[in-house]
Amino acid sequence: MRNQKDSEILYFQSKLSEVTYNSNRFKVMIGEDRFLFGVVSANDNEAPFGKLMQYKTIYDTLKDLDWKIKMSFDEAIKYAYSDSMKNDFSLIRTDSEEEGLAFYYIENALFRTSSLWDMLAQLYRLFYNVDIPKEKVYYKQIFSPTKNYGDKFRIKAAEIYEYIEQDDNTDCEGEWKGNHSFVNDLRNKMIHRNSPNIAVMSDFDMNLKHHPVFQLKRIIEDYVVVSQYIKEILDEIEKEVMSTFDDADC
């Protein structure tokens, strides 16, 4: 039992370590010790470095989200594998502070992971000049095969959409299938109906809790997938940015 616990924790930690951010990415240095803080364009005329600063704005937000997500996962793992959770967890009752704290940090990580999907869509909107206001960007809309927003990145949009609509399957080795749909349903239930982490039986809802470890696996795996998609588009963006600087030097 101890070996299983250690193996699961190691798996979670290994998955989380797959996601990293470079604090200096998109930072434009001016001399040795100064950097370009920001640029605001006038009217419809994009200022020099204007698009780069938009990328940097999103990237700085991603870095901020990521350390908060990782901190929440670390705390959730600690409480989910506590002795109290091992010995006293019930599908019906909530008997310990450790359980409440485990779900608290899981919810923190879940909502911020959900934000990553819209940040991914923002990067695609900006890089491919998708004609939609930034205030109205929604990731399922951007990557939907029934919309025309993804015409310039049709193959990648189809890949991403296939993942987010994947059928549920936890009876498989390694990463489970349908993680995003599960996480999205969990989030929507929290927002629009009632807590999935409280057991109830009423005309309003019938709900038995999942163990925090079950939720952790699904949310962490979804977090790693969206972070990988973010890394891929960031790498493409960086290539374009660097080529622009190279052209300017010619």
Protein backbone atom coordinates (compact mmCIF):
# COMPACT_ATOMS: atom_id res chain seq x y z
CA MET A 1 0.00 0.00 0.00
CA ARG A 2 2.86 2.32 0.88
CA ASN A 3 4.53 1.57 -2.45
CA GLN A 4 1.32 2.39 -4.32
CA LYS A 5 1.01 5.73 -2.51
CA ASP A 6 4.63 6.64 -3.26
CA SER A 7 4.23 5.56 -6.88
CA GLU A 8 1.12 7.69 -7.36
CA ILE A 9 2.70 10.76 -5.76
CA LEU A 10 5.82 10.30 -7.88
CA TYR A 11 3.63 10.07 -11.00
CA PHE A 12 1.86 13.32 -10.16
CA GLN A 13 5.13 15.10 -9.41
CA SER A 14 6.65 13.80 -12.63
CA LYS A 15 3.70 15.06 -14.68
CA LEU A 16 3.85 18.49 -13.04
CA SER A 17 7.58 18.75 -13.75
CA GLU A 18 6.87 18.41 -17.48
CA VAL A 19 5.55 21.98 -17.50
CA THR A 20 8.08 24.81 -17.28
CA TYR A 21 8.22 28.48 -18.22
CA ASN A 22 11.21 30.68 -19.02
CA SER A 23 10.97 33.90 -17.03
CA ASN A 24 12.87 35.83 -19.71
CA ARG A 25 10.83 34.74 -22.71
CA PHE A 26 9.58 37.71 -24.77
CA LYS A 27 11.57 40.13 -22.62
CA VAL A 28 13.17 42.85 -24.77
CA MET A 29 16.36 44.13 -23.18
CA ILE A 30 17.44 47.74 -23.66
CA GLY A 31 21.09 47.87 -22.81
CA GLU A 32 22.47 45.67 -20.05
CA ASP A 33 20.07 46.26 -17.18
CA ARG A 34 16.86 47.68 -18.61
CA PHE A 35 13.99 46.12 -20.51
CA LEU A 36 10.99 47.29 -22.50
CA PHE A 37 8.09 47.39 -20.03
CA GLY A 38 5.26 47.88 -22.50
CA VAL A 39 3.84 49.47 -25.63
CA VAL A 40 0.36 50.83 -26.33
CA SER A 41 -0.68 51.41 -29.94
CA ALA A 42 -2.56 54.51 -31.05
CA ASN A 43 -5.98 53.92 -32.63
CA ASP A 44 -5.78 51.14 -35.24
CA ASN A 45 -2.09 51.57 -35.98
CA GLU A 46 -0.05 48.88 -34.27
CA ALA A 47 3.03 50.34 -32.64
CA PRO A 48 6.49 48.80 -33.08
CA PHE A 49 6.77 45.85 -30.71
CA GLY A 50 3.00 46.09 -30.20
CA LYS A 51 2.25 42.47 -30.99
CA LEU A 52 5.30 41.27 -29.08
CA MET A 53 4.03 43.07 -25.99
CA GLN A 54 0.66 41.37 -26.40
CA TYR A 55 2.41 38.01 -26.43
CA LYS A 56 4.37 39.04 -23.36
CA THR A 57 1.18 40.07 -21.56
CA ILE A 58 -0.33 36.63 -22.13
CA TYR A 59 2.94 34.89 -21.29
CA ASP A 60 3.29 36.74 -17.98
CA THR A 61 -0.27 35.71 -17.12
CA LEU A 62 0.56 32.10 -17.97
CA LYS A 63 3.58 32.17 -15.67
CA ASP A 64 1.46 33.59 -12.86
CA LEU A 65 -1.25 30.98 -13.39
CA ASP A 66 1.26 28.16 -13.55
CA TRP A 67 2.96 28.74 -10.21
CA LYS A 68 -0.44 29.09 -8.52
CA ILE A 69 -1.65 25.87 -10.16
CA LYS A 70 1.47 23.97 -9.10
CA MET A 71 1.25 25.30 -5.55
CA SER A 72 -2.39 24.22 -5.37
CA PHE A 73 -1.59 20.76 -6.73
CA ASP A 74 1.29 20.34 -4.26
CA GLU A 75 -0.95 21.21 -1.33
CA ALA A 76 -3.80 19.05 -2.63
CA ILE A 77 -1.48 16.06 -3.00
CA LYS A 78 -0.23 16.53 0.56
CA TYR A 79 -3.73 16.50 2.04
CA ALA A 80 -5.16 13.87 -0.33
CA TYR A 81 -2.53 11.37 0.84
CA SER A 82 -2.72 12.25 4.54
CA ASP A 83 -3.33 9.52 7.09
CA SER A 84 -6.79 10.92 7.77
CA MET A 85 -7.79 10.56 4.12
CA LYS A 86 -6.34 7.07 4.02
CA ASN A 87 -8.19 5.86 7.10
CA ASP A 88 -11.40 7.89 7.31
CA PHE A 89 -12.55 8.90 3.81
CA SER A 90 -16.24 8.31 3.19
CA LEU A 91 -18.26 8.75 0.00
CA ILE A 92 -21.07 10.20 2.09
CA ARG A 93 -19.55 12.08 5.04
CA THR A 94 -16.88 14.74 5.33
CA ASP A 95 -15.09 13.88 8.54
CA SER A 96 -11.76 15.66 8.42
CA GLU A 97 -10.16 19.02 7.87
CA GLU A 98 -7.65 17.32 5.58
CA GLU A 99 -10.43 16.34 3.19
CA GLY A 100 -11.77 19.89 3.09
CA LEU A 101 -8.29 21.26 2.42
CA ALA A 102 -7.61 18.67 -0.28
CA PHE A 103 -10.77 19.66 -2.16
CA TYR A 104 -10.09 23.36 -1.55
CA TYR A 105 -6.72 23.21 -3.29
CA ILE A 106 -8.06 20.91 -6.00
CA GLU A 107 -10.75 23.47 -6.81
CA ASN A 108 -8.12 26.22 -6.95
CA ALA A 109 -6.11 24.20 -9.44
CA LEU A 110 -9.17 23.21 -11.44
CA PHE A 111 -10.43 26.74 -12.05
CA ARG A 112 -6.99 28.02 -13.00
CA THR A 113 -6.41 25.05 -15.30
CA SER A 114 -9.71 25.92 -17.00
CA SER A 115 -8.33 29.42 -17.57
CA LEU A 116 -5.37 27.95 -19.44
CA TRP A 117 -7.67 26.72 -22.20
CA ASP A 118 -8.93 30.22 -22.93
CA MET A 119 -5.36 31.54 -22.78
CA LEU A 120 -4.46 28.93 -25.39
CA ALA A 121 -7.27 30.23 -27.58
CA GLN A 122 -6.05 33.81 -27.06
CA LEU A 123 -2.61 32.85 -28.37
CA TYR A 124 -4.13 31.28 -31.48
CA ARG A 125 -6.36 34.32 -32.01
CA LEU A 126 -3.37 36.64 -31.84
CA PHE A 127 -0.89 34.56 -33.82
CA TYR A 128 -3.28 33.70 -36.66
CA ASN A 129 -5.12 37.05 -36.60
CA VAL A 130 -8.47 35.42 -35.91
CA ASP A 131 -11.20 38.02 -36.37
CA ILE A 132 -12.83 37.91 -32.95
CA PRO A 133 -12.54 40.42 -30.07
CA LYS A 134 -10.29 39.23 -27.25
CA GLU A 135 -13.16 39.72 -24.80
CA LYS A 136 -15.24 37.13 -26.66
CA VAL A 137 -12.66 34.38 -27.03
CA TYR A 138 -13.86 30.96 -25.90
CA TYR A 139 -11.64 27.97 -26.56
CA LYS A 140 -14.32 25.55 -27.76
CA GLN A 141 -15.46 28.13 -30.28
CA ILE A 142 -11.95 28.85 -31.58
CA PHE A 143 -11.14 25.16 -32.13
CA SER A 144 -14.59 23.98 -33.22
CA PRO A 145 -14.66 22.29 -36.66
CA THR A 146 -18.11 23.81 -37.28
CA LYS A 147 -16.74 27.36 -37.06
CA ASN A 148 -14.37 29.09 -39.46
CA TYR A 149 -12.06 30.52 -36.80
CA GLY A 150 -9.59 27.66 -37.18
CA ASP A 151 -9.24 27.76 -40.96
CA LYS A 152 -5.58 28.79 -40.74
CA PHE A 153 -4.72 26.00 -38.29
CA ARG A 154 -7.27 23.39 -39.25
CA ILE A 155 -5.18 20.29 -38.46
CA LYS A 156 -4.17 21.48 -34.99
CA ALA A 157 -7.69 22.73 -34.27
CA ALA A 158 -9.07 19.29 -35.14
CA GLU A 159 -6.51 17.62 -32.86
CA ILE A 160 -7.33 19.90 -29.94
CA TYR A 161 -11.08 19.60 -30.43
CA GLU A 162 -10.84 15.81 -30.60
CA TYR A 163 -9.08 15.84 -27.24
CA ILE A 164 -11.54 18.15 -25.49
CA GLU A 165 -14.48 16.04 -26.74
CA GLN A 166 -12.81 12.69 -26.04
CA ASP A 167 -15.01 9.89 -24.66
CA ASP A 168 -14.48 8.94 -21.04
CA ASN A 169 -12.31 5.90 -20.30
CA THR A 170 -10.51 5.29 -17.01
CA ASP A 171 -10.03 1.59 -17.69
CA CYS A 172 -6.70 2.03 -19.43
CA GLU A 173 -3.01 2.22 -18.61
CA GLY A 174 -1.26 5.55 -18.26
CA GLU A 175 -3.22 8.70 -18.96
CA TRP A 176 -6.99 8.35 -18.80
CA LYS A 177 -9.24 9.33 -21.68
CA GLY A 178 -11.89 12.01 -21.49
CA ASN A 179 -10.10 13.96 -18.78
CA HIS A 180 -11.05 17.34 -20.16
CA SER A 181 -14.75 16.55 -20.39
CA PHE A 182 -14.66 15.28 -16.81
CA VAL A 183 -12.84 18.38 -15.55
CA ASN A 184 -15.15 20.69 -17.50
CA ASP A 185 -18.26 18.97 -16.13
CA LEU A 186 -16.82 19.23 -12.61
CA ARG A 187 -16.20 22.94 -13.06
CA ASN A 188 -19.65 23.60 -14.54
CA LYS A 189 -21.33 21.75 -11.71
CA MET A 190 -19.49 23.88 -9.15
CA ILE A 191 -20.50 27.08 -10.92
CA HIS A 192 -24.06 26.36 -11.95
CA ARG A 193 -25.47 23.72 -9.62
CA ASN A 194 -23.92 22.32 -6.45
CA SER A 195 -20.59 21.13 -5.14
CA PRO A 196 -19.51 17.75 -6.54
CA ASN A 197 -17.45 17.32 -3.37
CA ILE A 198 -20.48 17.06 -1.10
CA ALA A 199 -22.60 13.91 -1.08
CA VAL A 200 -26.31 14.64 -1.52
CA MET A 201 -29.52 12.81 -2.32
CA SER A 202 -32.45 15.05 -3.18
CA ASP A 203 -34.69 16.15 -6.01
CA PHE A 204 -32.03 18.75 -6.80
CA ASP A 205 -29.20 16.26 -7.30
CA MET A 206 -27.91 12.76 -6.59
CA ASN A 207 -24.19 12.93 -5.91
CA LEU A 208 -21.51 10.77 -4.31
CA LYS A 209 -18.03 12.20 -3.98
CA HIS A 210 -14.94 11.10 -5.82
CA HIS A 211 -11.82 10.61 -3.74
CA PRO A 212 -9.49 13.62 -4.11
CA VAL A 213 -6.82 11.40 -5.70
CA PHE A 214 -9.24 10.49 -8.50
CA GLN A 215 -9.83 14.17 -9.23
CA LEU A 216 -6.14 14.97 -8.98
CA LYS A 217 -5.20 12.45 -11.65
CA ARG A 218 -7.78 13.78 -14.08
CA ILE A 219 -7.06 17.46 -13.52
CA ILE A 220 -3.26 17.09 -13.53
CA GLU A 221 -3.35 15.14 -16.78
CA ASP A 222 -5.60 17.77 -18.37
CA TYR A 223 -3.30 20.52 -17.09
CA VAL A 224 -0.28 18.87 -18.70
CA VAL A 225 -2.09 18.45 -22.04
CA VAL A 226 -3.20 22.08 -22.28
CA SER A 227 0.25 23.23 -21.16
CA GLN A 228 1.82 21.19 -23.96
CA TYR A 229 -0.52 22.78 -26.50
CA ILE A 230 0.45 26.18 -25.10
CA LYS A 231 4.14 25.35 -25.41
CA GLU A 232 3.69 24.33 -29.05
CA ILE A 233 2.05 27.61 -30.09
CA LEU A 234 4.52 29.63 -28.00
CA ASP A 235 7.39 27.95 -29.86
CA GLU A 236 5.77 28.93 -33.16
CA ILE A 237 5.30 32.48 -31.93
CA GLU A 238 8.91 32.71 -30.80
CA LYS A 239 10.12 31.58 -34.24
CA GLU A 240 8.12 34.36 -35.85
CA VAL A 241 9.33 36.95 -33.35
CA MET A 242 12.97 35.96 -33.82
CA SER A 243 12.65 35.98 -37.61
CA THR A 244 11.23 39.51 -37.39
CA PHE A 245 14.27 40.64 -35.43
CA ASP A 246 16.57 38.87 -37.91
CA ASP A 247 14.89 40.65 -40.83
CA ALA A 248 15.24 43.98 -39.05
CA ASP A 249 18.98 43.40 -38.64
CA CYS A 250 19.49 42.74 -42.36
